Amino acid sequence: MINRYSQVTCLRSLDFAYDTTPPQDIPTKTLLQILQSPVQYQRVNVSVCVVEERENSEEFTKGNTVTPLKKVVYAVSDQTASLLLTVWGTHTFCLKNWYHFSDVSVRNFMGQTTLTTTRDTNIQTIPHAGPSVDPIVDDITTTEGELSMVNIDVQHLCPKRHSLDSVNFSTLMTRCHSCKAFCKTAKLSAVARGTLTIIDEAGTQHSFNLTDKLIRETLSLNPGPLPQPDELAALFLHHDRATVTTKGSRVLSVLVDAPPEAPSSEDAATAMA
């Protein structure tokens, strides 16, 4: 039923190809055929060898904003080419084994053609189909240098993932204006984001965007409430150096050196003597 609240969008105005191919008509392609005609959002079937696991994380999606969804990126190959395949959800693969993926979507991520599973993807184990080409090489860069600046922002969210303007953690409950309801303050979640700047040996400054996952992993913080932004910044700047691994503009990991040890009372007394 269409009423005054309905919205109608003309598909011809979309800035991407909208694939309406029925499931039974989705073509089976080799990876080379996909690379030769990398139309975004086209649905395809592929038979590939799962060669390597490249990334493993949990992320929120547009259709899943309350609980993060498991996301694993694999390098897959057939006899013609190799691509990166993003698999959403809890799937287990044996590396070097062959699988048939039906109804996967072609995407372009940072100028690179990739594949991703969809809600309609079906995965089946198939017999070994012979030797495959070498796995795709990641464009991974490592930058090491002296920590110089950091900026951290902490956002608090209600259980339905709505942003809250201000939170008093000494109170029992907090009102969410989006939900138009009160929720237990203890049930709120916190998401941190920020930027990190290091100076390499040549004196060049490099700035990197940090996600909540990276901040928590780097500082060994557990899921749940977070310290204030200035406290998080101090935890970073307590270290002298950092090593940042990136893929394109995306940060994969941040390693910081061990913080300097506080001088013992004996060392302090010796230094003052």
Protein backbone atom coordinates (compact mmCIF):
# COMPACT_ATOMS: atom_id res chain seq x y z
CA MET A 1 0.00 0.00 0.00
CA ILE A 2 1.29 3.47 -0.89
CA ASN A 3 0.39 6.40 1.34
CA ARG A 4 1.62 9.94 1.94
CA TYR A 5 4.64 8.64 3.86
CA SER A 6 5.85 6.41 1.02
CA GLN A 7 8.91 7.28 -1.03
CA VAL A 8 9.46 6.27 -4.65
CA THR A 9 12.91 6.28 -6.25
CA CYS A 10 13.57 5.95 -9.96
CA LEU A 11 16.21 3.25 -10.52
CA ARG A 12 17.64 5.21 -13.43
CA SER A 13 18.79 7.87 -10.97
CA LEU A 14 20.90 5.51 -8.88
CA ASP A 15 24.67 5.91 -9.09
CA PHE A 16 25.30 2.15 -9.30
CA ALA A 17 24.05 -0.79 -11.33
CA TYR A 18 21.03 -2.43 -9.72
CA ASP A 19 21.08 -6.14 -10.54
CA THR A 20 17.58 -7.61 -10.74
CA THR A 21 18.67 -10.93 -12.23
CA PRO A 22 16.52 -13.81 -10.88
CA PRO A 23 18.56 -16.35 -8.86
CA GLN A 24 18.13 -19.05 -11.51
CA ASP A 25 19.59 -16.75 -14.17
CA ILE A 26 22.71 -15.62 -12.28
CA PRO A 27 25.71 -16.51 -14.48
CA THR A 28 28.67 -18.61 -13.39
CA LYS A 29 31.91 -16.82 -14.22
CA THR A 30 35.63 -17.33 -13.84
CA LEU A 31 37.55 -14.73 -11.86
CA LEU A 32 39.24 -13.54 -15.04
CA GLN A 33 35.84 -12.94 -16.67
CA ILE A 34 34.85 -10.85 -13.65
CA LEU A 35 38.05 -8.80 -13.89
CA GLN A 36 37.47 -8.25 -17.60
CA SER A 37 33.95 -6.91 -16.96
CA PRO A 38 33.89 -5.68 -13.34
CA VAL A 39 30.37 -4.22 -13.28
CA GLN A 40 29.64 -3.20 -9.70
CA TYR A 41 26.80 -4.94 -7.85
CA GLN A 42 26.38 -7.62 -10.51
CA ARG A 43 25.54 -11.01 -9.00
CA VAL A 44 27.64 -14.00 -10.07
CA ASN A 45 28.37 -17.60 -9.16
CA VAL A 46 32.00 -18.67 -8.77
CA SER A 47 33.92 -21.87 -8.06
CA VAL A 48 37.17 -21.02 -6.30
CA CYS A 49 39.93 -22.28 -4.07
CA VAL A 50 40.06 -20.52 -0.68
CA VAL A 51 43.80 -19.93 -0.45
CA GLU A 52 44.52 -17.56 2.45
CA GLU A 53 42.78 -15.68 5.23
CA ARG A 54 43.72 -11.99 5.07
CA GLU A 55 41.51 -10.17 7.60
CA ASN A 56 39.23 -11.19 10.47
CA SER A 57 36.99 -8.71 12.27
CA GLU A 58 33.46 -7.84 13.38
CA GLU A 59 31.57 -4.90 11.90
CA PHE A 60 28.14 -3.31 11.95
CA THR A 61 26.18 -3.25 8.70
CA LYS A 62 23.19 -1.24 7.48
CA GLY A 63 20.89 -4.17 8.13
CA ASN A 64 22.55 -5.17 11.41
CA THR A 65 23.13 -2.15 13.65
CA VAL A 66 22.72 -3.77 17.09
CA THR A 67 25.11 -6.74 17.01
CA PRO A 68 28.35 -6.71 14.98
CA LEU A 69 28.61 -9.27 12.20
CA LYS A 70 31.66 -11.47 11.68
CA LYS A 71 33.64 -10.41 8.59
CA VAL A 72 36.51 -12.43 7.12
CA VAL A 73 38.43 -11.53 3.96
CA TYR A 74 39.96 -14.40 1.99
CA ALA A 75 42.24 -14.55 -1.02
CA VAL A 76 40.52 -16.90 -3.49
CA SER A 77 41.78 -18.24 -6.81
CA ASP A 78 40.73 -20.37 -9.75
CA GLN A 79 42.72 -21.41 -12.83
CA THR A 80 42.37 -17.93 -14.35
CA ALA A 81 42.90 -15.24 -11.67
CA SER A 82 42.76 -14.33 -7.98
CA LEU A 83 40.52 -11.91 -6.04
CA LEU A 84 39.69 -10.96 -2.47
CA LEU A 85 36.38 -12.35 -1.19
CA THR A 86 34.64 -10.90 1.87
CA VAL A 87 32.55 -13.47 3.74
CA TRP A 88 29.92 -12.20 6.20
CA GLY A 89 28.67 -14.40 9.03
CA THR A 90 29.95 -17.55 10.66
CA HIS A 91 31.34 -19.77 7.93
CA THR A 92 34.25 -22.16 8.30
CA PHE A 93 36.57 -23.01 5.43
CA CYS A 94 39.51 -25.36 5.02
CA LEU A 95 42.26 -23.46 3.28
CA LYS A 96 43.36 -24.87 -0.10
CA ASN A 97 39.92 -26.49 -0.54
CA TRP A 98 37.50 -25.64 -3.35
CA TYR A 99 34.01 -24.16 -2.84
CA HIS A 100 31.14 -23.03 -5.03
CA PHE A 101 29.70 -19.63 -4.04
CA SER A 102 26.32 -18.83 -5.58
CA ASP A 103 24.92 -15.28 -5.64
CA VAL A 104 27.97 -13.22 -4.62
CA SER A 105 28.26 -9.53 -5.47
CA VAL A 106 31.03 -7.79 -7.40
CA ARG A 107 32.36 -4.66 -5.69
CA ASN A 108 35.05 -2.06 -6.22
CA PHE A 109 36.98 -1.30 -3.03
CA MET A 110 39.66 1.40 -3.22
CA GLY A 111 40.08 0.82 -6.95
CA GLN A 112 40.30 -2.96 -6.60
CA THR A 113 37.69 -5.44 -7.88
CA THR A 114 36.51 -7.69 -5.05
CA LEU A 115 33.70 -10.12 -4.23
CA THR A 116 31.40 -10.19 -1.22
CA THR A 117 28.77 -12.62 0.01
CA THR A 118 25.15 -11.48 0.27
CA ARG A 119 22.13 -12.57 2.30
CA ASP A 120 21.26 -14.96 -0.55
CA THR A 121 24.72 -16.52 -0.96
CA ASN A 122 24.87 -20.30 -0.79
CA ILE A 123 28.21 -22.07 -0.21
CA GLN A 124 28.97 -25.67 -1.13
CA THR A 125 32.13 -27.75 -0.92
CA ILE A 126 33.17 -29.09 -4.33
CA PRO A 127 35.87 -31.53 -5.50
CA HIS A 128 39.38 -30.23 -6.04
CA ALA A 129 39.46 -28.59 -9.47
CA GLY A 130 43.20 -28.66 -10.06
CA PRO A 131 45.95 -26.10 -9.50
CA SER A 132 44.93 -22.46 -9.05
CA VAL A 133 46.90 -19.29 -9.73
CA ASP A 134 48.94 -17.63 -6.99
CA PRO A 135 46.87 -15.57 -4.51
CA ILE A 136 46.48 -11.85 -5.09
CA VAL A 137 49.17 -9.69 -3.48
CA ASP A 138 47.93 -7.13 -0.94
CA ASP A 139 49.07 -3.52 -1.20
CA ILE A 140 50.24 -3.45 2.43
CA THR A 141 52.51 -0.72 3.79
CA THR A 142 54.22 -0.45 7.17
CA THR A 143 55.12 2.96 8.62
CA GLU A 144 57.23 3.32 11.75
CA GLY A 145 58.00 6.50 13.63
CA GLU A 146 57.79 8.64 16.72
CA LEU A 147 54.36 9.29 18.21
CA SER A 148 53.63 13.02 18.01
CA MET A 149 49.87 13.66 18.13
CA VAL A 150 46.61 11.84 18.80
CA ASN A 151 42.98 12.91 18.78
CA ILE A 152 40.28 10.67 20.29
CA ASP A 153 36.49 11.09 20.30
CA VAL A 154 34.17 8.83 22.32
CA GLN A 155 30.53 8.38 21.29
CA HIS A 156 27.98 6.77 23.60
CA LEU A 157 25.15 4.71 22.13
CA CYS A 158 21.86 3.39 23.46
CA PRO A 159 21.09 -0.36 23.12
CA LYS A 160 19.53 0.40 19.70
CA ARG A 161 22.75 2.15 18.57
CA HIS A 162 21.41 5.73 18.70
CA SER A 163 23.96 8.41 19.54
CA LEU A 164 23.54 10.16 22.91
CA ASP A 165 24.57 13.78 23.40
CA SER A 166 25.60 13.52 27.05
CA VAL A 167 25.78 10.72 29.58
CA ASN A 168 26.07 10.86 33.37
CA PHE A 169 27.32 7.46 34.46
CA SER A 170 26.45 8.14 38.09
CA THR A 171 22.73 7.96 37.24
CA LEU A 172 20.56 4.86 36.92
CA MET A 173 19.08 5.73 33.55
CA THR A 174 19.64 7.86 30.48
CA ARG A 175 17.01 9.15 28.05
CA CYS A 176 17.43 8.44 24.35
CA HIS A 177 15.58 11.07 22.32
CA SER A 178 15.57 8.86 19.22
CA CYS A 179 13.94 5.96 21.06
CA LYS A 180 11.81 8.34 23.17
CA ALA A 181 12.54 6.09 26.12
CA PHE A 182 14.85 5.67 29.09
CA CYS A 183 17.47 2.94 29.16
CA LYS A 184 19.78 1.69 31.88
CA THR A 185 22.99 3.67 31.86
CA ALA A 186 24.91 0.46 32.55
CA LYS A 187 23.62 -0.95 29.23
CA LEU A 188 25.05 1.87 27.12
CA SER A 189 27.94 1.14 24.78
CA ALA A 190 30.85 3.35 23.79
CA VAL A 191 32.56 3.72 20.42
CA ALA A 192 35.91 5.48 20.07
CA ARG A 193 37.34 6.98 16.89
CA GLY A 194 40.40 9.11 16.33
CA THR A 195 43.53 9.99 14.43
CA LEU A 196 47.14 9.17 15.17
CA THR A 197 50.15 11.08 13.82
CA ILE A 198 53.70 9.74 13.76
CA ILE A 199 56.95 11.22 12.43
CA ASP A 200 59.21 8.87 10.47
CA GLU A 201 63.02 8.92 10.35
CA ALA A 202 62.97 11.42 7.47
CA GLY A 203 60.91 13.86 9.53
CA THR A 204 57.71 13.32 7.50
CA GLN A 205 54.42 13.33 9.39
CA HIS A 206 51.91 10.56 8.70
CA SER A 207 48.33 10.66 10.03
CA PHE A 208 46.08 7.60 10.31
CA ASN A 209 42.40 7.10 11.13
CA LEU A 210 41.72 4.83 14.08
CA THR A 211 38.57 2.74 14.56
CA ASP A 212 37.13 1.61 17.89
CA LYS A 213 38.53 -1.89 17.32
CA LEU A 214 42.04 -0.57 16.64
CA ILE A 215 42.00 1.70 19.69
CA ARG A 216 40.87 -1.10 22.00
CA GLU A 217 43.38 -3.59 20.55
CA THR A 218 46.29 -1.16 20.73
CA LEU A 219 45.56 -0.12 24.32
CA SER A 220 44.40 -3.61 25.45
CA LEU A 221 40.96 -2.31 26.45
CA ASN A 222 38.05 -4.67 27.04
CA PRO A 223 34.63 -4.27 25.37
CA GLY A 224 32.29 -1.95 27.28
CA PRO A 225 32.76 1.49 28.83
CA LEU A 226 35.74 3.61 27.82
CA PRO A 227 37.85 6.20 29.67
CA GLN A 228 37.44 9.86 28.82
CA PRO A 229 38.99 11.00 25.50
CA ASP A 230 41.87 12.80 27.22
CA GLU A 231 42.67 9.65 29.22
CA LEU A 232 42.72 7.58 26.01
CA ALA A 233 45.01 10.14 24.38
CA ALA A 234 47.34 9.98 27.38
CA LEU A 235 47.47 6.17 27.11
CA PHE A 236 48.68 6.53 23.52
CA LEU A 237 51.16 9.35 24.16
CA HIS A 238 52.67 7.47 27.09
CA HIS A 239 54.43 5.46 24.37
CA ASP A 240 57.31 6.83 22.32
CA ARG A 241 57.03 5.01 19.00
CA ALA A 242 54.40 3.26 16.88
CA THR A 243 54.32 0.97 13.86
CA VAL A 244 51.23 1.30 11.66
CA THR A 245 50.29 -1.28 9.01
CA THR A 246 47.93 -0.06 6.29
CA LYS A 247 46.22 -1.39 3.19
CA GLY A 248 45.56 1.59 0.99
CA SER A 249 44.08 4.19 3.32
CA ARG A 250 42.73 1.62 5.79
CA VAL A 251 44.69 0.89 8.98
CA LEU A 252 45.04 -2.82 9.72
CA SER A 253 47.06 -2.68 12.94
CA VAL A 254 48.90 -0.35 15.29
CA LEU A 255 51.78 -1.56 17.43
CA VAL A 256 53.24 0.68 20.12
CA ASP A 257 56.49 0.21 22.01
CA ALA A 258 56.57 -0.70 25.67
CA PRO A 259 56.00 2.40 27.85
CA PRO A 260 59.04 3.62 29.75
CA GLU A 261 59.34 2.17 33.22
CA ALA A 262 58.94 4.49 36.15
CA PRO A 263 62.25 4.91 38.02
CA SER A 264 62.53 3.04 41.29
CA SER A 265 63.06 4.92 44.56
CA GLU A 266 66.70 3.77 44.61
CA ASP A 267 67.30 5.06 41.06
CA ALA A 268 65.64 8.35 41.91
CA ALA A 269 67.76 8.74 45.03
CA THR A 270 70.92 7.99 43.03
CA ALA A 271 69.97 10.53 40.38
CA MET A 272 69.45 13.21 43.03
CA ALA A 273 72.75 12.46 44.79
